[in-house]
Amino acid sequence: MPYRNAPYYVLFVLAVIAVGFWPSYFAKWTEVPWQFHAHGVAATLWVAMVLFQSVAVHKDQLPLHRAVGKASLFLFPFLIAGFAGIIDVTAKGFVAANDPTRVMFGGSFLIGMAIAIAAYVTFYYRALKHRRKVWLHAGYMLVTPLFLFESPFSRILLNLELPGLTIRGPADFWLILASIEVSMALELLFILLVCWKYRNRALPFMVAAGFIVAQMITMLLLGDWAALKPFLTLIAAVPSLSVWLTGFVIGALTAWAGWNRGKQRPAVPVGAIAA
């Protein structure tokens, strides 16, 4: 089976999520908005599912692996809806100006989350489409936890108050985006190591690298783009449940399309049949 050590990598991402989000989410479970729960629960379950899938296939529990894989069809819409919920909180915070970080980085956060949704739709669709090709299927599923690493790890960096990454006041808020960029750079380093080891078989990780580079560049350079403000204002005017449901529909359509595309077997050339 491909990626023998994958369970350790996914387990590490789960640990980073727990540590990184403990002060701002898990320790304040009853105080955060429902969108945080919609995202946090779905994302945590998703990473746990990827971990379970990786362990199951390496333990030769293929029937269990396939059963949980089918269950992911129902979880994926909630995962994308959770991301949409965070976009909703970002937009409404930006317009209400009730959070200095959302006012300062609203554009960057919107871009980052939009690219993350596009990445997840791409990965999951291709994982379902290529579910009979073990290296492609495994790779596209295993890159999904990467996009849940950057946010909690950036918080860990800031909480450690490392030299050059210590926020003492509003003048240091730029370090929030800097810590995110550092975390994404580490993701690229990890991908580089995977590609060095597995070469052409690591195509899904190369695709992931493209999305991460896109996030790094656009979040850094286009966060203050004036054209983003109308989008944030528009999203803020839409009921929160409608924004969440939009993400749910995107996720459901992706799961449906990927599953059905994976049912289609490649056509056999006429010459091959004659031979």
C-alpha atoms as a PDB file:
ATOM      1  CA  MET A   1       0.000   0.000   0.000  1.00  0.00           C
ATOM      2  CA  PRO A   2       1.285   3.530  -0.753  1.00  0.00           C
ATOM      3  CA  TYR A   3       2.554   5.996   1.839  1.00  0.00           C
ATOM      4  CA  ARG A   4       3.361   3.508   4.603  1.00  0.00           C
ATOM      5  CA  ASN A   5       4.054   6.253   7.194  1.00  0.00           C
ATOM      6  CA  ALA A   6       0.991   8.345   6.324  1.00  0.00           C
ATOM      7  CA  PRO A   7      -0.865   7.628   9.605  1.00  0.00           C
ATOM      8  CA  TYR A   8       1.908   9.360  11.579  1.00  0.00           C
ATOM      9  CA  TYR A   9       1.679  12.439   9.379  1.00  0.00           C
ATOM     10  CA  VAL A  10      -2.110  12.653   9.742  1.00  0.00           C
ATOM     11  CA  LEU A  11      -1.873  12.067  13.488  1.00  0.00           C
ATOM     12  CA  PHE A  12       0.621  14.935  13.704  1.00  0.00           C
ATOM     13  CA  VAL A  13      -1.825  17.241  11.902  1.00  0.00           C
ATOM     14  CA  LEU A  14      -4.541  16.224  14.372  1.00  0.00           C
ATOM     15  CA  ALA A  15      -2.225  17.066  17.270  1.00  0.00           C
ATOM     16  CA  VAL A  16      -1.423  20.462  15.738  1.00  0.00           C
ATOM     17  CA  ILE A  17      -5.153  21.166  15.366  1.00  0.00           C
ATOM     18  CA  ALA A  18      -5.776  20.284  19.010  1.00  0.00           C
ATOM     19  CA  VAL A  19      -2.889  22.366  20.353  1.00  0.00           C
ATOM     20  CA  GLY A  20      -3.279  25.290  17.987  1.00  0.00           C
ATOM     21  CA  PHE A  21      -7.001  25.755  18.453  1.00  0.00           C
ATOM     22  CA  TRP A  22      -7.156  24.878  22.139  1.00  0.00           C
ATOM     23  CA  PRO A  23      -6.948  28.463  23.520  1.00  0.00           C
ATOM     24  CA  SER A  24      -9.290  30.074  20.986  1.00  0.00           C
ATOM     25  CA  TYR A  25     -11.757  27.256  20.310  1.00  0.00           C
ATOM     26  CA  PHE A  26     -11.719  24.107  22.420  1.00  0.00           C
ATOM     27  CA  ALA A  27     -11.190  26.002  25.697  1.00  0.00           C
ATOM     28  CA  LYS A  28     -14.014  28.398  24.759  1.00  0.00           C
ATOM     29  CA  TRP A  29     -16.433  25.823  23.389  1.00  0.00           C
ATOM     30  CA  THR A  30     -19.570  27.512  24.744  1.00  0.00           C
ATOM     31  CA  GLU A  31     -18.539  31.040  23.752  1.00  0.00           C
ATOM     32  CA  VAL A  32     -17.786  30.762  20.035  1.00  0.00           C
ATOM     33  CA  PRO A  33     -20.323  31.263  17.209  1.00  0.00           C
ATOM     34  CA  TRP A  34     -22.038  28.254  15.653  1.00  0.00           C
ATOM     35  CA  GLN A  35     -19.993  28.656  12.459  1.00  0.00           C
ATOM     36  CA  PHE A  36     -16.858  27.781  14.424  1.00  0.00           C
ATOM     37  CA  HIS A  37     -18.501  24.548  15.581  1.00  0.00           C
ATOM     38  CA  ALA A  38     -19.718  23.744  12.061  1.00  0.00           C
ATOM     39  CA  HIS A  39     -16.172  24.123  10.773  1.00  0.00           C
ATOM     40  CA  GLY A  40     -14.298  22.706  13.756  1.00  0.00           C
ATOM     41  CA  VAL A  41     -16.339  19.534  14.141  1.00  0.00           C
ATOM     42  CA  ALA A  42     -16.484  18.752  10.418  1.00  0.00           C
ATOM     43  CA  ALA A  43     -12.774  19.455   9.859  1.00  0.00           C
ATOM     44  CA  THR A  44     -11.684  17.405  12.876  1.00  0.00           C
ATOM     45  CA  LEU A  45     -13.898  14.488  11.821  1.00  0.00           C
ATOM     46  CA  TRP A  46     -12.487  14.722   8.311  1.00  0.00           C
ATOM     47  CA  VAL A  47      -8.868  14.478   9.440  1.00  0.00           C
ATOM     48  CA  ALA A  48      -9.791  11.650  11.830  1.00  0.00           C
ATOM     49  CA  MET A  49     -11.495   9.880   8.924  1.00  0.00           C
ATOM     50  CA  VAL A  50      -8.385  10.218   6.738  1.00  0.00           C
ATOM     51  CA  LEU A  51      -6.315   8.804   9.609  1.00  0.00           C
ATOM     52  CA  PHE A  52      -8.707   5.869  10.032  1.00  0.00           C
ATOM     53  CA  GLN A  53      -8.701   5.210   6.282  1.00  0.00           C
ATOM     54  CA  SER A  54      -4.931   5.173   6.139  1.00  0.00           C
ATOM     55  CA  VAL A  55      -4.633   2.793   9.100  1.00  0.00           C
ATOM     56  CA  ALA A  56      -7.387   0.506   7.788  1.00  0.00           C
ATOM     57  CA  VAL A  57      -5.829   0.067   4.366  1.00  0.00           C
ATOM     58  CA  HIS A  58      -2.387  -0.644   5.844  1.00  0.00           C
ATOM     59  CA  LYS A  59      -3.976  -3.250   8.129  1.00  0.00           C
ATOM     60  CA  ASP A  60      -5.595  -4.897   5.071  1.00  0.00           C
ATOM     61  CA  GLN A  61      -9.065  -3.958   6.283  1.00  0.00           C
ATOM     62  CA  LEU A  62     -10.273  -3.076   2.799  1.00  0.00           C
ATOM     63  CA  PRO A  63     -14.018  -3.658   3.387  1.00  0.00           C
ATOM     64  CA  LEU A  64     -13.891  -1.299   6.374  1.00  0.00           C
ATOM     65  CA  HIS A  65     -11.819   1.170   4.355  1.00  0.00           C
ATOM     66  CA  ARG A  66     -14.431   1.173   1.582  1.00  0.00           C
ATOM     67  CA  ALA A  67     -17.342   1.516   4.008  1.00  0.00           C
ATOM     68  CA  VAL A  68     -15.839   4.551   5.714  1.00  0.00           C
ATOM     69  CA  GLY A  69     -14.908   5.928   2.294  1.00  0.00           C
ATOM     70  CA  LYS A  70     -18.568   5.839   1.291  1.00  0.00           C
ATOM     71  CA  ALA A  71     -19.450   7.621   4.526  1.00  0.00           C
ATOM     72  CA  SER A  72     -17.098  10.421   3.482  1.00  0.00           C
ATOM     73  CA  LEU A  73     -19.579  11.241   0.721  1.00  0.00           C
ATOM     74  CA  PHE A  74     -21.924  12.496   3.433  1.00  0.00           C
ATOM     75  CA  LEU A  75     -19.214  14.207   5.494  1.00  0.00           C
ATOM     76  CA  PHE A  76     -17.666  16.186   2.634  1.00  0.00           C
ATOM     77  CA  PRO A  77     -20.623  18.597   2.181  1.00  0.00           C
ATOM     78  CA  PHE A  78     -20.372  19.492   5.883  1.00  0.00           C
ATOM     79  CA  LEU A  79     -16.627  20.075   5.483  1.00  0.00           C
ATOM     80  CA  ILE A  80     -17.095  22.572   2.654  1.00  0.00           C
ATOM     81  CA  ALA A  81     -20.052  24.163   4.431  1.00  0.00           C
ATOM     82  CA  GLY A  82     -17.789  24.664   7.446  1.00  0.00           C
ATOM     83  CA  PHE A  83     -15.299  26.595   5.339  1.00  0.00           C
ATOM     84  CA  ALA A  84     -18.166  28.696   3.966  1.00  0.00           C
ATOM     85  CA  GLY A  85     -19.230  29.389   7.541  1.00  0.00           C
ATOM     86  CA  ILE A  86     -15.796  30.803   8.350  1.00  0.00           C
ATOM     87  CA  ILE A  87     -16.028  33.018   5.260  1.00  0.00           C
ATOM     88  CA  ASP A  88     -19.371  34.219   6.603  1.00  0.00           C
ATOM     89  CA  VAL A  89     -17.879  35.123  10.000  1.00  0.00           C
ATOM     90  CA  THR A  90     -14.966  36.860   8.277  1.00  0.00           C
ATOM     91  CA  ALA A  91     -17.222  38.949   6.034  1.00  0.00           C
ATOM     92  CA  LYS A  92     -19.606  39.950   8.779  1.00  0.00           C
ATOM     93  CA  GLY A  93     -16.720  40.842  11.101  1.00  0.00           C
ATOM     94  CA  PHE A  94     -15.088  42.885   8.342  1.00  0.00           C
ATOM     95  CA  VAL A  95     -18.238  44.921   7.662  1.00  0.00           C
ATOM     96  CA  ALA A  96     -19.165  45.329  11.330  1.00  0.00           C
ATOM     97  CA  ALA A  97     -15.555  46.252  12.163  1.00  0.00           C
ATOM     98  CA  ASN A  98     -15.908  44.383  15.453  1.00  0.00           C
ATOM     99  CA  ASP A  99     -12.598  42.525  15.147  1.00  0.00           C
ATOM    100  CA  PRO A 100      -9.388  44.347  14.164  1.00  0.00           C
ATOM    101  CA  THR A 101      -7.846  41.228  12.631  1.00  0.00           C
ATOM    102  CA  ARG A 102     -10.838  40.656  10.339  1.00  0.00           C
ATOM    103  CA  VAL A 103     -10.824  44.309   9.345  1.00  0.00           C
ATOM    104  CA  MET A 104      -7.096  44.173   8.614  1.00  0.00           C
ATOM    105  CA  PHE A 105      -7.014  40.750   6.944  1.00  0.00           C
ATOM    106  CA  GLY A 106     -10.589  40.266   5.738  1.00  0.00           C
ATOM    107  CA  GLY A 107      -9.497  40.264   2.103  1.00  0.00           C
ATOM    108  CA  SER A 108      -6.599  37.886   2.703  1.00  0.00           C
ATOM    109  CA  PHE A 109      -8.756  35.495   4.742  1.00  0.00           C
ATOM    110  CA  LEU A 110     -11.454  35.511   2.037  1.00  0.00           C
ATOM    111  CA  ILE A 111      -8.898  34.662  -0.652  1.00  0.00           C
ATOM    112  CA  GLY A 112      -7.285  31.968   1.488  1.00  0.00           C
ATOM    113  CA  MET A 113     -10.570  30.258   2.313  1.00  0.00           C
ATOM    114  CA  ALA A 114     -11.813  30.460  -1.283  1.00  0.00           C
ATOM    115  CA  ILE A 115      -8.635  28.794  -2.552  1.00  0.00           C
ATOM    116  CA  ALA A 116      -8.900  26.183   0.213  1.00  0.00           C
ATOM    117  CA  ILE A 117     -12.444  25.333  -0.914  1.00  0.00           C
ATOM    118  CA  ALA A 118     -11.268  25.097  -4.540  1.00  0.00           C
ATOM    119  CA  ALA A 119      -8.428  22.826  -3.415  1.00  0.00           C
ATOM    120  CA  TYR A 120     -10.715  20.519  -1.438  1.00  0.00           C
ATOM    121  CA  VAL A 121     -13.183  20.265  -4.307  1.00  0.00           C
ATOM    122  CA  THR A 122     -10.313  19.363  -6.649  1.00  0.00           C
ATOM    123  CA  PHE A 123      -8.719  16.830  -4.289  1.00  0.00           C
ATOM    124  CA  TYR A 124     -11.890  15.021  -3.313  1.00  0.00           C
ATOM    125  CA  TYR A 125     -13.267  14.894  -6.838  1.00  0.00           C
ATOM    126  CA  ARG A 126     -10.014  13.411  -8.098  1.00  0.00           C
ATOM    127  CA  ALA A 127      -9.771  11.005  -5.153  1.00  0.00           C
ATOM    128  CA  LEU A 128     -13.212   9.642  -6.032  1.00  0.00           C
ATOM    129  CA  LYS A 129     -12.543   9.663  -9.765  1.00  0.00           C
ATOM    130  CA  HIS A 130      -9.306   7.688  -9.322  1.00  0.00           C
ATOM    131  CA  ARG A 131     -10.436   5.470  -6.455  1.00  0.00           C
ATOM    132  CA  ARG A 132      -9.307   2.362  -8.373  1.00  0.00           C
ATOM    133  CA  LYS A 133      -5.780   3.792  -8.752  1.00  0.00           C
ATOM    134  CA  VAL A 134      -4.296   3.413  -5.284  1.00  0.00           C
ATOM    135  CA  TRP A 135      -1.466   5.950  -5.567  1.00  0.00           C
ATOM    136  CA  LEU A 136      -3.637   8.725  -6.966  1.00  0.00           C
ATOM    137  CA  HIS A 137      -6.556   7.990  -4.643  1.00  0.00           C
ATOM    138  CA  ALA A 138      -4.384   7.788  -1.535  1.00  0.00           C
ATOM    139  CA  GLY A 139      -2.424  10.883  -2.490  1.00  0.00           C
ATOM    140  CA  TYR A 140      -5.442  13.087  -3.084  1.00  0.00           C
ATOM    141  CA  MET A 141      -7.000  12.029   0.206  1.00  0.00           C
ATOM    142  CA  LEU A 142      -3.753  12.519   2.125  1.00  0.00           C
ATOM    143  CA  VAL A 143      -3.188  16.074   0.904  1.00  0.00           C
ATOM    144  CA  THR A 144      -6.507  17.211   2.401  1.00  0.00           C
ATOM    145  CA  PRO A 145      -5.190  17.472   6.005  1.00  0.00           C
ATOM    146  CA  LEU A 146      -2.425  19.805   4.784  1.00  0.00           C
ATOM    147  CA  PHE A 147      -4.943  22.609   4.305  1.00  0.00           C
ATOM    148  CA  LEU A 148      -6.000  22.259   7.940  1.00  0.00           C
ATOM    149  CA  PHE A 149      -2.422  22.565   9.211  1.00  0.00           C
ATOM    150  CA  GLU A 150      -1.528  26.173   8.429  1.00  0.00           C
ATOM    151  CA  SER A 151      -4.090  27.943  10.623  1.00  0.00           C
ATOM    152  CA  PRO A 152      -3.509  26.088  13.917  1.00  0.00           C
ATOM    153  CA  PHE A 153       0.263  25.910  13.421  1.00  0.00           C
ATOM    154  CA  SER A 154       0.449  29.664  12.831  1.00  0.00           C
ATOM    155  CA  ARG A 155      -1.356  30.134  16.145  1.00  0.00           C
ATOM    156  CA  ILE A 156       1.155  27.861  17.867  1.00  0.00           C
ATOM    157  CA  LEU A 157       4.000  29.981  16.486  1.00  0.00           C
ATOM    158  CA  LEU A 158       2.416  33.162  17.832  1.00  0.00           C
ATOM    159  CA  ASN A 159       1.538  31.604  21.191  1.00  0.00           C
ATOM    160  CA  LEU A 160       5.166  30.554  21.663  1.00  0.00           C
ATOM    161  CA  GLU A 161       6.186  34.224  21.357  1.00  0.00           C
ATOM    162  CA  LEU A 162       9.256  33.336  19.338  1.00  0.00           C
ATOM    163  CA  PRO A 163      11.737  36.099  18.478  1.00  0.00           C
ATOM    164  CA  GLY A 164      10.285  38.079  15.592  1.00  0.00           C
ATOM    165  CA  LEU A 165       6.844  36.491  16.040  1.00  0.00           C
ATOM    166  CA  THR A 166       5.626  38.179  19.219  1.00  0.00           C
ATOM    167  CA  ILE A 167       2.498  40.333  19.116  1.00  0.00           C
ATOM    168  CA  ARG A 168       2.614  43.094  21.722  1.00  0.00           C
ATOM    169  CA  GLY A 169      -0.040  45.351  20.225  1.00  0.00           C
ATOM    170  CA  PRO A 170      -1.892  46.388  17.036  1.00  0.00           C
ATOM    171  CA  ALA A 171       1.379  47.463  15.426  1.00  0.00           C
ATOM    172  CA  ASP A 172       2.431  43.813  15.414  1.00  0.00           C
ATOM    173  CA  PHE A 173      -0.770  42.425  13.846  1.00  0.00           C
ATOM    174  CA  TRP A 174       1.055  41.995  10.544  1.00  0.00           C
ATOM    175  CA  LEU A 175       2.750  39.042  12.207  1.00  0.00           C
ATOM    176  CA  ILE A 176      -0.536  37.124  11.987  1.00  0.00           C
ATOM    177  CA  LEU A 177      -0.230  36.923   8.214  1.00  0.00           C
ATOM    178  CA  ALA A 178       3.518  36.383   8.502  1.00  0.00           C
ATOM    179  CA  SER A 179       2.976  33.334  10.723  1.00  0.00           C
ATOM    180  CA  ILE A 180       0.474  31.964   8.213  1.00  0.00           C
ATOM    181  CA  GLU A 181       2.999  32.400   5.399  1.00  0.00           C
ATOM    182  CA  VAL A 182       5.674  30.619   7.456  1.00  0.00           C
ATOM    183  CA  SER A 183       3.275  27.725   8.116  1.00  0.00           C
ATOM    184  CA  MET A 184       2.470  27.390   4.418  1.00  0.00           C
ATOM    185  CA  ALA A 185       6.194  27.465   3.610  1.00  0.00           C
ATOM    186  CA  LEU A 186       6.600  24.483   5.946  1.00  0.00           C
ATOM    187  CA  GLU A 187       3.814  22.712   4.072  1.00  0.00           C
ATOM    188  CA  LEU A 188       5.762  23.236   0.850  1.00  0.00           C
ATOM    189  CA  LEU A 189       8.899  21.854   2.480  1.00  0.00           C
ATOM    190  CA  PHE A 190       6.981  18.746   3.524  1.00  0.00           C
ATOM    191  CA  ILE A 191       5.627  18.353  -0.014  1.00  0.00           C
ATOM    192  CA  LEU A 192       9.145  18.698  -1.399  1.00  0.00           C
ATOM    193  CA  LEU A 193      10.305  15.818   0.802  1.00  0.00           C
ATOM    194  CA  VAL A 194       7.350  13.653  -0.253  1.00  0.00           C
ATOM    195  CA  CYS A 195       7.994  14.383  -3.936  1.00  0.00           C
ATOM    196  CA  TRP A 196      11.710  13.667  -3.518  1.00  0.00           C
ATOM    197  CA  LYS A 197      10.885  10.263  -2.039  1.00  0.00           C
ATOM    198  CA  TYR A 198       8.015   9.180  -4.285  1.00  0.00           C
ATOM    199  CA  ARG A 199       8.827  11.111  -7.496  1.00  0.00           C
ATOM    200  CA  ASN A 200       6.087  10.877 -10.133  1.00  0.00           C
ATOM    201  CA  ARG A 201       3.783   8.959  -7.828  1.00  0.00           C
ATOM    202  CA  ALA A 202       3.429  12.075  -5.675  1.00  0.00           C
ATOM    203  CA  LEU A 203       1.419  13.972  -8.308  1.00  0.00           C
ATOM    204  CA  PRO A 204      -1.394  14.869  -5.835  1.00  0.00           C
ATOM    205  CA  PHE A 205       1.150  16.549  -3.564  1.00  0.00           C
ATOM    206  CA  MET A 206       2.450  18.554  -6.532  1.00  0.00           C
ATOM    207  CA  VAL A 207      -1.109  19.719  -7.234  1.00  0.00           C
ATOM    208  CA  ALA A 208      -1.448  20.674  -3.564  1.00  0.00           C
ATOM    209  CA  ALA A 209       1.762  22.686  -3.802  1.00  0.00           C
ATOM    210  CA  GLY A 210       0.226  24.716  -6.617  1.00  0.00           C
ATOM    211  CA  PHE A 211      -2.751  25.651  -4.457  1.00  0.00           C
ATOM    212  CA  ILE A 212      -0.526  26.513  -1.491  1.00  0.00           C
ATOM    213  CA  VAL A 213       1.698  28.753  -3.604  1.00  0.00           C
ATOM    214  CA  ALA A 214      -1.445  30.450  -4.930  1.00  0.00           C
ATOM    215  CA  GLN A 215      -2.593  31.045  -1.354  1.00  0.00           C
ATOM    216  CA  MET A 216       0.767  32.438  -0.289  1.00  0.00           C
ATOM    217  CA  ILE A 217       1.036  34.882  -3.166  1.00  0.00           C
ATOM    218  CA  THR A 218      -2.556  36.105  -3.284  1.00  0.00           C
ATOM    219  CA  MET A 219      -3.027  36.415   0.472  1.00  0.00           C
ATOM    220  CA  LEU A 220       0.181  38.407   0.726  1.00  0.00           C
ATOM    221  CA  LEU A 221      -0.234  40.657  -2.307  1.00  0.00           C
ATOM    222  CA  LEU A 222      -3.988  40.953  -2.904  1.00  0.00           C
ATOM    223  CA  GLY A 223      -5.366  41.166   0.628  1.00  0.00           C
ATOM    224  CA  ASP A 224      -5.908  44.923   0.303  1.00  0.00           C
ATOM    225  CA  TRP A 225      -7.292  44.724  -3.218  1.00  0.00           C
ATOM    226  CA  ALA A 226     -10.228  47.142  -3.383  1.00  0.00           C
ATOM    227  CA  ALA A 227     -12.274  44.728  -5.502  1.00  0.00           C
ATOM    228  CA  LEU A 228     -12.557  42.338  -2.550  1.00  0.00           C
ATOM    229  CA  LYS A 229     -14.500  44.774  -0.381  1.00  0.00           C
ATOM    230  CA  PRO A 230     -17.736  44.493  -2.426  1.00  0.00           C
ATOM    231  CA  PHE A 231     -17.536  40.693  -2.138  1.00  0.00           C
ATOM    232  CA  LEU A 232     -17.099  40.870   1.633  1.00  0.00           C
ATOM    233  CA  THR A 233     -19.977  43.350   1.865  1.00  0.00           C
ATOM    234  CA  LEU A 234     -22.191  41.129  -0.292  1.00  0.00           C
ATOM    235  CA  ILE A 235     -21.459  38.021   1.769  1.00  0.00           C
ATOM    236  CA  ALA A 236     -22.083  39.961   4.991  1.00  0.00           C
ATOM    237  CA  ALA A 237     -25.541  40.914   3.725  1.00  0.00           C
ATOM    238  CA  VAL A 238     -26.524  37.293   3.084  1.00  0.00           C
ATOM    239  CA  PRO A 239     -28.037  35.282   5.982  1.00  0.00           C
ATOM    240  CA  SER A 240     -25.397  33.111   7.632  1.00  0.00           C
ATOM    241  CA  LEU A 241     -27.356  29.906   7.072  1.00  0.00           C
ATOM    242  CA  SER A 242     -27.580  30.668   3.343  1.00  0.00           C
ATOM    243  CA  VAL A 243     -23.790  31.066   3.126  1.00  0.00           C
ATOM    244  CA  TRP A 244     -23.340  27.774   4.971  1.00  0.00           C
ATOM    245  CA  LEU A 245     -25.858  26.021   2.716  1.00  0.00           C
ATOM    246  CA  THR A 246     -24.044  27.307  -0.369  1.00  0.00           C
ATOM    247  CA  GLY A 247     -20.930  25.521   0.809  1.00  0.00           C
ATOM    248  CA  PHE A 248     -22.992  22.417   1.576  1.00  0.00           C
ATOM    249  CA  VAL A 249     -24.388  22.340  -1.959  1.00  0.00           C
ATOM    250  CA  ILE A 250     -20.893  22.757  -3.462  1.00  0.00           C
ATOM    251  CA  GLY A 251     -19.663  19.849  -1.347  1.00  0.00           C
ATOM    252  CA  ALA A 252     -22.647  17.648  -2.182  1.00  0.00           C
ATOM    253  CA  LEU A 253     -22.307  18.286  -5.923  1.00  0.00           C
ATOM    254  CA  THR A 254     -18.588  17.500  -5.743  1.00  0.00           C
ATOM    255  CA  ALA A 255     -19.218  14.207  -3.951  1.00  0.00           C
ATOM    256  CA  TRP A 256     -21.954  13.245  -6.425  1.00  0.00           C
ATOM    257  CA  ALA A 257     -19.886  14.173  -9.484  1.00  0.00           C
ATOM    258  CA  GLY A 258     -16.720  12.472  -8.237  1.00  0.00           C
ATOM    259  CA  TRP A 259     -18.480   9.278  -7.238  1.00  0.00           C
ATOM    260  CA  ASN A 260     -20.249   8.952 -10.567  1.00  0.00           C
ATOM    261  CA  ARG A 261     -17.131   9.847 -12.542  1.00  0.00           C
ATOM    262  CA  GLY A 262     -15.286   7.086 -10.718  1.00  0.00           C
ATOM    263  CA  LYS A 263     -17.875   4.548 -11.868  1.00  0.00           C
ATOM    264  CA  GLN A 264     -16.892   5.103 -15.491  1.00  0.00           C
ATOM    265  CA  ARG A 265     -14.167   2.762 -16.636  1.00  0.00           C
ATOM    266  CA  PRO A 266     -11.789   4.039 -19.324  1.00  0.00           C
ATOM    267  CA  ALA A 267     -12.782   3.021 -22.822  1.00  0.00           C
ATOM    268  CA  VAL A 268     -10.731   0.223 -24.361  1.00  0.00           C
ATOM    269  CA  PRO A 269      -9.340   1.119 -27.808  1.00  0.00           C
ATOM    270  CA  VAL A 270     -10.895  -0.877 -30.659  1.00  0.00           C
ATOM    271  CA  GLY A 271      -7.486  -2.040 -31.799  1.00  0.00           C
ATOM    272  CA  ALA A 272      -6.768  -3.458 -28.350  1.00  0.00           C
ATOM    273  CA  ILE A 273      -9.992  -5.480 -28.431  1.00  0.00           C
ATOM    274  CA  ALA A 274      -9.182  -6.841 -31.871  1.00  0.00           C
ATOM    275  CA  ALA A 275      -5.741  -7.846 -30.737  1.00  0.00           C
END
